[in-house]
C-alpha cells in the first residue's frame, strides 16, 4: 500500500482533538481535523493548529466544511484569518471547490499548502465532468487534487479508479475515493494504485464519510494481499 493512512477527527473541543492525536501519533501517518465542529473560538483553534503543525509537520490536514455538504458555520472572514496564519506552516488545508472557492483564491494568494477537493454525497458524475472539475482546480495550484463521490453502482467505482490512473499518468498527486458500500473497492485499490492519502477511522462510528474502512480492516486486507 502506498497511501498514507489518515485518521479523521470530528470532535467538539480542542482537548479532545489533541488527546486523540497524542494517543494515535504512532499509529497513523496523518490526522484530519474538522475544525467547524470545534466549539472554541478561532484564536484558540489557530493556536492549537500552530502547535500541532510544529509538532507534527506535514501530518495535519485542516477541514473547514461539514459532513454531507452541510453549510459551513464559520464565517469566511474568520476562515481567512486561519488560512493566513497557517499558510507558512507545514500543514494542509482541504478546501472544497464548490463551497470554498473564495477560500481557494485566498489560499493561493498566501501560497498555502492546499488539497483542492470536490465532493458529491449523492452520485458519481460522469468522468468528463470530473475531468473538467480537475481543470478548474488547476487554477489554484493545489498540492493534491481530491475527488470523493458517492458510488451508486460498481461501475461508478470503476470509473473513479480509471480516473485515478489517468491522473497519475499526468503526474498529479491525487486522492480519488468512492463513498458508500459500492465505493469500498476504491479505498482498497486506490491505496495500491496511487492515492496519496486514504482515510480510516479507528471504528465505524467515527467515519467522516460513508464507506470508510477502519484502519484495522484496511490492515487485514493488505496483510492478505501481501502474503
Foldseek 3Di string as FASTA:
>chain_A
DQAFEEEEDQDAELVVVVVVCVVCVVPGQAYEYACLNHNDDLVVVLVSVVVCLVVNALRYEYEQAAFPRPARPDDPVSVLVSLLSCQPTRYEYEAECVRHVVVLVSSLVSNRAYAYEHEAEPDQDDLVVVVVVVVVVVVSVHQEYEYEYEYPALVSLVSQVVSLLVVVVVVGAYHGFYAAQSGLVCLQVVSVRHHHHHYAHCDPVSDRTHNHHHPVVNVVVVVVVVD
